[in-house]
Structure formats: structure tokens, C-alpha cells
N, C-alpha and C. Protein backbone atom coordinates (compact mmCIF):
# COMPACT_ATOMS: atom_id res chain seq x y z
N MET A 1 161.65 137.56 38.15
CA MET A 1 161.54 136.17 38.54
C MET A 1 162.93 135.53 38.60
N PHE A 2 163.77 135.80 37.61
CA PHE A 2 165.12 135.25 37.60
C PHE A 2 165.92 135.76 38.80
N ASP A 3 165.67 137.02 39.19
CA ASP A 3 166.35 137.58 40.36
C ASP A 3 166.00 136.79 41.62
N ARG A 4 164.75 136.39 41.72
CA ARG A 4 164.32 135.62 42.90
C ARG A 4 164.98 134.24 42.90
N PHE A 5 165.13 133.65 41.71
CA PHE A 5 165.80 132.36 41.63
C PHE A 5 167.25 132.48 42.07
N LEU A 6 167.95 133.52 41.58
CA LEU A 6 169.34 133.73 41.97
C LEU A 6 169.47 133.96 43.47
N GLU A 7 168.55 134.69 44.03
CA GLU A 7 168.57 134.93 45.48
C GLU A 7 168.38 133.61 46.23
N PHE A 8 167.44 132.80 45.78
CA PHE A 8 167.20 131.48 46.40
C PHE A 8 168.44 130.61 46.27
N ALA A 9 169.04 130.59 45.08
CA ALA A 9 170.21 129.75 44.83
C ALA A 9 171.40 130.17 45.70
N THR A 10 171.59 131.45 45.90
CA THR A 10 172.71 131.90 46.75
C THR A 10 172.47 131.60 48.22
N HIS A 11 171.22 131.56 48.64
CA HIS A 11 170.90 131.26 50.04
C HIS A 11 170.85 129.75 50.31
N HIS A 12 170.63 128.94 49.27
CA HIS A 12 170.48 127.48 49.44
C HIS A 12 171.31 126.72 48.40
N PRO A 13 172.63 126.89 48.41
CA PRO A 13 173.45 126.25 47.37
C PRO A 13 173.42 124.72 47.44
N LEU A 14 173.36 124.14 48.62
CA LEU A 14 173.31 122.68 48.74
C LEU A 14 172.02 122.11 48.16
N LEU A 15 170.93 122.77 48.41
CA LEU A 15 169.65 122.32 47.90
C LEU A 15 169.62 122.40 46.37
N VAL A 16 170.09 123.50 45.82
CA VAL A 16 170.13 123.67 44.36
C VAL A 16 171.10 122.67 43.75
N GLY A 17 172.26 122.47 44.38
CA GLY A 17 173.24 121.51 43.88
C GLY A 17 172.68 120.10 43.88
N ALA A 18 172.00 119.72 44.94
CA ALA A 18 171.39 118.39 45.01
C ALA A 18 170.33 118.22 43.92
N PHE A 19 169.56 119.26 43.68
CA PHE A 19 168.54 119.21 42.63
C PHE A 19 169.19 119.01 41.26
N VAL A 20 170.27 119.72 40.99
CA VAL A 20 170.97 119.61 39.70
C VAL A 20 171.53 118.20 39.53
N VAL A 21 172.12 117.64 40.58
CA VAL A 21 172.68 116.28 40.51
C VAL A 21 171.58 115.27 40.24
N VAL A 22 170.47 115.36 40.95
CA VAL A 22 169.35 114.44 40.73
C VAL A 22 168.80 114.58 39.32
N LEU A 23 168.71 115.78 38.83
CA LEU A 23 168.22 116.02 37.48
C LEU A 23 169.16 115.40 36.44
N LEU A 24 170.46 115.53 36.62
CA LEU A 24 171.42 114.94 35.69
C LEU A 24 171.39 113.42 35.72
N VAL A 25 171.30 112.84 36.92
CA VAL A 25 171.24 111.38 37.04
C VAL A 25 169.98 110.86 36.37
N TRP A 26 168.87 111.52 36.58
CA TRP A 26 167.61 111.10 35.96
C TRP A 26 167.70 111.21 34.44
N ALA A 27 168.27 112.29 33.92
CA ALA A 27 168.40 112.46 32.48
C ALA A 27 169.29 111.38 31.87
N LEU A 28 170.39 111.06 32.52
CA LEU A 28 171.27 110.00 32.03
C LEU A 28 170.57 108.64 32.05
N TYR A 29 169.85 108.37 33.11
CA TYR A 29 169.11 107.10 33.21
C TYR A 29 168.09 106.98 32.08
N GLU A 30 167.34 108.02 31.85
CA GLU A 30 166.32 108.00 30.78
C GLU A 30 166.96 107.86 29.41
N ALA A 31 168.09 108.53 29.20
CA ALA A 31 168.76 108.44 27.91
C ALA A 31 169.26 107.02 27.66
N ARG A 32 169.82 106.39 28.68
CA ARG A 32 170.31 105.01 28.53
C ARG A 32 169.16 104.05 28.32
N ARG A 33 168.08 104.24 29.07
CA ARG A 33 166.94 103.33 28.98
C ARG A 33 166.28 103.43 27.62
N SER A 34 166.14 104.63 27.10
CA SER A 34 165.46 104.80 25.81
C SER A 34 166.32 104.28 24.66
N GLY A 35 167.61 104.25 24.82
CA GLY A 35 168.49 103.76 23.78
C GLY A 35 168.71 102.25 23.82
N ALA A 36 168.33 101.63 24.92
CA ALA A 36 168.54 100.20 25.08
C ALA A 36 167.65 99.42 24.11
N ASN A 37 168.24 98.45 23.45
CA ASN A 37 167.52 97.56 22.53
C ASN A 37 166.87 98.27 21.36
N ALA A 38 167.30 99.47 21.06
CA ALA A 38 166.75 100.18 19.91
C ALA A 38 167.57 99.85 18.66
N VAL A 39 166.88 99.67 17.55
CA VAL A 39 167.56 99.40 16.28
C VAL A 39 167.12 100.42 15.25
N SER A 40 168.03 100.74 14.35
CA SER A 40 167.71 101.66 13.26
C SER A 40 166.92 100.90 12.19
N SER A 41 166.44 101.62 11.21
CA SER A 41 165.70 100.99 10.11
C SER A 41 166.57 99.98 9.38
N SER A 42 167.83 100.32 9.15
CA SER A 42 168.71 99.39 8.44
C SER A 42 169.03 98.16 9.29
N GLU A 43 169.21 98.35 10.61
CA GLU A 43 169.43 97.20 11.49
C GLU A 43 168.19 96.31 11.54
N ALA A 44 167.02 96.93 11.54
CA ALA A 44 165.77 96.16 11.54
C ALA A 44 165.65 95.34 10.25
N THR A 45 165.99 95.94 9.12
CA THR A 45 165.96 95.23 7.85
C THR A 45 166.90 94.03 7.87
N HIS A 46 168.07 94.22 8.44
CA HIS A 46 169.03 93.12 8.57
C HIS A 46 168.44 91.99 9.43
N LEU A 47 167.83 92.35 10.57
CA LEU A 47 167.23 91.34 11.44
C LEU A 47 166.08 90.60 10.75
N ILE A 48 165.31 91.31 9.95
CA ILE A 48 164.19 90.69 9.24
C ILE A 48 164.72 89.71 8.19
N ASN A 49 165.69 90.15 7.41
CA ASN A 49 166.20 89.34 6.31
C ASN A 49 167.11 88.20 6.74
N ARG A 50 167.92 88.40 7.76
CA ARG A 50 168.93 87.41 8.12
C ARG A 50 168.56 86.56 9.33
N GLU A 51 167.74 87.11 10.24
CA GLU A 51 167.43 86.37 11.46
C GLU A 51 165.94 86.09 11.63
N ASP A 52 165.17 86.30 10.56
CA ASP A 52 163.74 86.02 10.57
C ASP A 52 163.00 86.72 11.71
N ALA A 53 163.33 87.99 11.91
CA ALA A 53 162.70 88.77 12.97
C ALA A 53 161.21 88.97 12.68
N GLN A 54 160.43 89.01 13.74
CA GLN A 54 159.00 89.26 13.62
C GLN A 54 158.72 90.71 14.01
N ILE A 55 157.99 91.43 13.18
CA ILE A 55 157.60 92.81 13.46
C ILE A 55 156.26 92.78 14.17
N VAL A 56 156.16 93.52 15.28
CA VAL A 56 154.89 93.69 15.99
C VAL A 56 154.60 95.18 16.00
N ASP A 57 153.53 95.55 15.30
CA ASP A 57 153.14 96.94 15.17
C ASP A 57 152.16 97.27 16.29
N LEU A 58 152.50 98.24 17.13
CA LEU A 58 151.71 98.59 18.32
C LEU A 58 150.69 99.69 18.08
N ARG A 59 150.58 100.16 16.84
CA ARG A 59 149.64 101.25 16.55
C ARG A 59 148.21 100.72 16.46
N GLU A 60 147.27 101.61 16.51
CA GLU A 60 145.86 101.23 16.38
C GLU A 60 145.60 100.72 14.96
N ALA A 61 144.54 99.93 14.81
CA ALA A 61 144.24 99.26 13.54
C ALA A 61 144.13 100.23 12.37
N LYS A 62 143.53 101.38 12.58
CA LYS A 62 143.35 102.35 11.49
C LYS A 62 144.71 102.85 10.99
N GLU A 63 145.61 103.16 11.91
CA GLU A 63 146.96 103.60 11.53
C GLU A 63 147.72 102.47 10.85
N PHE A 64 147.56 101.27 11.37
CA PHE A 64 148.23 100.10 10.82
C PHE A 64 147.83 99.87 9.36
N LYS A 65 146.52 99.93 9.08
CA LYS A 65 146.03 99.69 7.73
C LYS A 65 146.50 100.76 6.74
N ALA A 66 146.78 101.95 7.25
CA ALA A 66 147.23 103.04 6.38
C ALA A 66 148.66 102.83 5.88
N GLY A 67 149.40 101.96 6.55
CA GLY A 67 150.76 101.67 6.10
C GLY A 67 151.54 100.95 7.19
N TYR A 68 152.04 99.75 6.86
CA TYR A 68 152.80 98.97 7.83
C TYR A 68 153.92 98.21 7.14
N ILE A 69 154.83 97.70 7.92
CA ILE A 69 155.96 96.93 7.39
C ILE A 69 155.45 95.54 7.02
N ALA A 70 155.84 95.06 5.86
CA ALA A 70 155.38 93.76 5.37
C ALA A 70 155.67 92.67 6.40
N GLY A 71 154.67 91.83 6.65
CA GLY A 71 154.82 90.73 7.59
C GLY A 71 154.55 91.09 9.03
N ALA A 72 154.21 92.35 9.29
CA ALA A 72 153.97 92.79 10.67
C ALA A 72 152.65 92.25 11.21
N ILE A 73 152.64 92.00 12.50
CA ILE A 73 151.42 91.62 13.22
C ILE A 73 150.96 92.87 13.95
N ASN A 74 149.67 93.18 13.86
CA ASN A 74 149.14 94.36 14.55
C ASN A 74 148.54 93.96 15.89
N ILE A 75 149.17 94.40 16.96
CA ILE A 75 148.62 94.24 18.31
C ILE A 75 148.71 95.62 18.95
N PRO A 76 147.58 96.34 19.00
CA PRO A 76 147.62 97.69 19.58
C PRO A 76 148.21 97.66 20.99
N ASN A 77 148.97 98.69 21.32
CA ASN A 77 149.66 98.75 22.60
C ASN A 77 148.73 98.52 23.80
N GLY A 78 147.54 99.06 23.75
CA GLY A 78 146.59 98.90 24.84
C GLY A 78 146.07 97.47 25.01
N LYS A 79 146.24 96.64 24.00
CA LYS A 79 145.76 95.25 24.06
C LYS A 79 146.90 94.24 24.18
N LEU A 80 148.12 94.73 24.35
CA LEU A 80 149.28 93.83 24.38
C LEU A 80 149.19 92.83 25.53
N ASP A 81 148.79 93.27 26.71
CA ASP A 81 148.71 92.36 27.86
C ASP A 81 147.78 91.18 27.60
N SER A 82 146.63 91.44 26.99
CA SER A 82 145.65 90.37 26.76
C SER A 82 145.98 89.52 25.53
N ARG A 83 146.84 90.03 24.64
CA ARG A 83 147.14 89.29 23.41
C ARG A 83 148.59 88.80 23.32
N ILE A 84 149.32 88.90 24.41
CA ILE A 84 150.74 88.52 24.40
C ILE A 84 150.93 87.04 24.06
N ASN A 85 149.91 86.22 24.36
CA ASN A 85 150.01 84.79 24.06
C ASN A 85 150.10 84.52 22.55
N GLU A 86 149.64 85.46 21.72
CA GLU A 86 149.73 85.31 20.26
C GLU A 86 151.18 85.36 19.78
N LEU A 87 152.07 85.85 20.63
CA LEU A 87 153.47 86.00 20.25
C LEU A 87 154.36 84.90 20.80
N GLU A 88 153.79 83.95 21.52
CA GLU A 88 154.57 82.88 22.17
C GLU A 88 155.51 82.17 21.21
N LYS A 89 155.08 81.93 19.99
CA LYS A 89 155.91 81.18 19.04
C LYS A 89 157.15 81.96 18.59
N PHE A 90 157.23 83.24 18.94
CA PHE A 90 158.36 84.08 18.55
C PHE A 90 159.33 84.34 19.71
N LYS A 91 159.18 83.62 20.83
CA LYS A 91 159.97 83.90 22.02
C LYS A 91 161.47 83.85 21.80
N ASP A 92 161.93 82.97 20.93
CA ASP A 92 163.36 82.81 20.72
C ASP A 92 163.87 83.47 19.44
N ARG A 93 162.98 84.16 18.74
CA ARG A 93 163.37 84.91 17.54
C ARG A 93 163.42 86.39 17.89
N PRO A 94 164.14 87.17 17.11
CA PRO A 94 164.08 88.62 17.34
C PRO A 94 162.66 89.14 17.10
N VAL A 95 162.18 89.96 18.01
CA VAL A 95 160.88 90.61 17.88
C VAL A 95 161.15 92.11 17.86
N ILE A 96 160.72 92.77 16.79
CA ILE A 96 160.94 94.21 16.66
C ILE A 96 159.60 94.91 16.88
N LEU A 97 159.55 95.75 17.90
CA LEU A 97 158.34 96.49 18.22
C LEU A 97 158.34 97.83 17.50
N VAL A 98 157.21 98.14 16.87
CA VAL A 98 157.09 99.36 16.09
C VAL A 98 155.87 100.13 16.59
N CYS A 99 156.06 101.41 16.88
CA CYS A 99 154.93 102.27 17.20
C CYS A 99 155.00 103.49 16.28
N LYS A 100 154.26 104.51 16.59
CA LYS A 100 154.19 105.66 15.69
C LYS A 100 155.52 106.41 15.61
N ALA A 101 156.09 106.76 16.76
CA ALA A 101 157.33 107.56 16.75
C ALA A 101 158.43 107.00 17.63
N GLY A 102 158.22 105.84 18.23
CA GLY A 102 159.27 105.21 19.01
C GLY A 102 159.15 105.30 20.52
N GLN A 103 158.17 106.01 21.04
CA GLN A 103 158.06 106.16 22.48
C GLN A 103 157.34 105.00 23.17
N GLN A 104 156.26 104.53 22.60
CA GLN A 104 155.45 103.49 23.26
C GLN A 104 156.14 102.13 23.25
N ALA A 105 157.03 101.91 22.33
CA ALA A 105 157.66 100.60 22.20
C ALA A 105 158.54 100.25 23.40
N SER A 106 159.08 101.22 24.10
CA SER A 106 159.93 100.94 25.26
C SER A 106 159.18 100.21 26.35
N ALA A 107 158.00 100.69 26.69
CA ALA A 107 157.21 100.04 27.74
C ALA A 107 156.76 98.65 27.29
N ALA A 108 156.40 98.51 26.04
CA ALA A 108 155.99 97.21 25.51
C ALA A 108 157.16 96.23 25.53
N ALA A 109 158.37 96.72 25.25
CA ALA A 109 159.56 95.86 25.27
C ALA A 109 159.78 95.31 26.67
N LEU A 110 159.59 96.13 27.68
CA LEU A 110 159.75 95.66 29.06
C LEU A 110 158.74 94.56 29.38
N LYS A 111 157.51 94.71 28.92
CA LYS A 111 156.48 93.69 29.15
C LYS A 111 156.88 92.36 28.50
N LEU A 112 157.36 92.42 27.26
CA LEU A 112 157.75 91.20 26.57
C LEU A 112 158.96 90.55 27.23
N GLU A 113 159.91 91.35 27.66
CA GLU A 113 161.09 90.80 28.33
C GLU A 113 160.69 90.10 29.63
N LYS A 114 159.77 90.69 30.37
CA LYS A 114 159.29 90.06 31.61
C LYS A 114 158.54 88.76 31.31
N ALA A 115 157.94 88.67 30.11
CA ALA A 115 157.20 87.47 29.73
C ALA A 115 158.13 86.39 29.16
N GLY A 116 159.43 86.66 29.11
CA GLY A 116 160.38 85.64 28.69
C GLY A 116 160.89 85.74 27.27
N PHE A 117 160.61 86.83 26.58
CA PHE A 117 161.11 87.01 25.22
C PHE A 117 162.58 87.41 25.32
N SER A 118 163.43 86.70 24.59
CA SER A 118 164.87 86.88 24.77
C SER A 118 165.50 87.89 23.84
N LYS A 119 164.86 88.22 22.72
CA LYS A 119 165.48 89.10 21.72
C LYS A 119 164.53 90.22 21.30
N VAL A 120 164.11 91.02 22.26
CA VAL A 120 163.17 92.11 21.97
C VAL A 120 163.95 93.36 21.58
N LYS A 121 163.56 93.94 20.47
CA LYS A 121 164.13 95.19 19.98
C LYS A 121 162.99 96.16 19.71
N ARG A 122 163.32 97.43 19.60
CA ARG A 122 162.31 98.41 19.20
C ARG A 122 162.89 99.26 18.08
N LEU A 123 162.03 99.63 17.16
CA LEU A 123 162.46 100.43 16.01
C LEU A 123 162.62 101.88 16.46
N ARG A 124 163.85 102.37 16.41
CA ARG A 124 164.15 103.74 16.81
C ARG A 124 163.44 104.70 15.85
N GLY A 125 162.61 105.56 16.39
CA GLY A 125 161.87 106.52 15.57
C GLY A 125 160.55 106.00 15.04
N GLY A 126 160.27 104.70 15.27
CA GLY A 126 158.99 104.10 14.88
C GLY A 126 158.71 104.17 13.38
N MET A 127 157.44 104.08 13.04
CA MET A 127 157.03 104.11 11.64
C MET A 127 157.37 105.45 10.99
N ALA A 128 157.39 106.50 11.78
CA ALA A 128 157.74 107.81 11.22
C ALA A 128 159.15 107.76 10.63
N GLN A 129 160.09 107.13 11.33
CA GLN A 129 161.46 107.03 10.83
C GLN A 129 161.54 106.06 9.66
N TRP A 130 160.81 104.95 9.74
CA TRP A 130 160.79 103.96 8.64
C TRP A 130 160.36 104.64 7.34
N GLN A 131 159.29 105.43 7.43
CA GLN A 131 158.78 106.12 6.26
C GLN A 131 159.70 107.26 5.82
N ALA A 132 160.34 107.93 6.78
CA ALA A 132 161.29 108.99 6.45
C ALA A 132 162.50 108.42 5.72
N ASP A 133 162.85 107.17 6.04
CA ASP A 133 163.95 106.49 5.35
C ASP A 133 163.52 105.94 4.00
N ASP A 134 162.26 106.19 3.63
CA ASP A 134 161.69 105.79 2.34
C ASP A 134 161.74 104.27 2.14
N LEU A 135 161.44 103.54 3.20
CA LEU A 135 161.40 102.08 3.12
C LEU A 135 159.98 101.63 2.79
N PRO A 136 159.82 100.45 2.21
CA PRO A 136 158.50 100.03 1.73
C PRO A 136 157.50 99.74 2.84
N THR A 137 156.26 100.05 2.56
CA THR A 137 155.16 99.72 3.46
C THR A 137 154.02 99.10 2.67
N VAL A 138 153.17 98.38 3.37
CA VAL A 138 151.97 97.79 2.79
C VAL A 138 150.80 98.66 3.21
N ASN A 139 149.90 98.96 2.28
CA ASN A 139 148.74 99.79 2.58
C ASN A 139 147.49 98.99 2.26
N THR A 140 146.68 98.72 3.28
CA THR A 140 145.45 97.95 3.05
C THR A 140 144.19 98.77 3.26
N SER A 141 144.33 100.07 3.49
CA SER A 141 143.14 100.90 3.69
C SER A 141 142.47 101.12 2.34
N LYS A 142 141.17 101.16 2.36
CA LYS A 142 140.38 101.35 1.13
C LYS A 142 140.30 102.84 0.83
N LYS A 143 140.64 103.22 -0.37
CA LYS A 143 140.51 104.63 -0.78
C LYS A 143 139.28 104.77 -1.65
N LYS A 144 138.53 105.83 -1.41
CA LYS A 144 137.30 106.06 -2.17
C LYS A 144 137.52 107.09 -3.22
């Protein structure tokens, strides 16, 4: 199979070169976009303590109850469009979006920015990173 790829590449160097360039540009774009407005756990703590940042947890209610950052509002990612009005009072304060591992918060951040939120951040690594950093969480799930 690799031999066939090499044969194709030697017969079509411009096509392969163009593909490599497009792939690199796309990778750089995605890397920049995913890093934009991301804050570490320590930066998030600073924003919470010094700038009265509001945490919005995008996980489902069951995951949220199992452990969340104190003061967080739970708005599942799938319901953000219909519940965005609940966040209106935080438009001019930092809003930190938290999801499970940091991937879903990017799309939610774009939605909030389009809705006029001026200081939207996302927690890099999500709750998984917060917990890995051994930071405090609130647990409201009932244990039997």
C-alpha cells in the first residue's frame, strides 16, 4: 500500500504538495482557534476571585451533580440556545465555560460571543483538568 502511495506521489507532486499545504493550514487554524480564550485552572481561579467571573457548566445535570465548581450555573450544552437569556446579567463580567474535557466549550463560547458577551473564556481541559489539579468541587448527588 505504501508503495502505491509513493508511486502516486511521484506522479502527482503538485497535488500531494497542495494537500500537505492545506492540511498544515487547517491544523494551524484549529490549533489557534482551540487555544483562543482558554484559561488554565489557576487563571480561572484568579478570574473568579478577583473579577467575579461566573462559571457556566455545560455538562448534563447528572454529571454536574456528581461534582461542580462552587457557584457554577448548570446549562447543558444542548439547551444553551434556549436558556442563553438566563445569562444576560453576566454580559459584562467574565463568563467561564466548563465542559467535561474542554472540547464542547469552544462552540458554546462562539454562541455567547455572537450574543454580545464581551468576556467569554473556556476552562482548558474542562472539569477533568480542574479535578486533576485537585481543586475543590461541590457534590450534590445522593449516595446510597
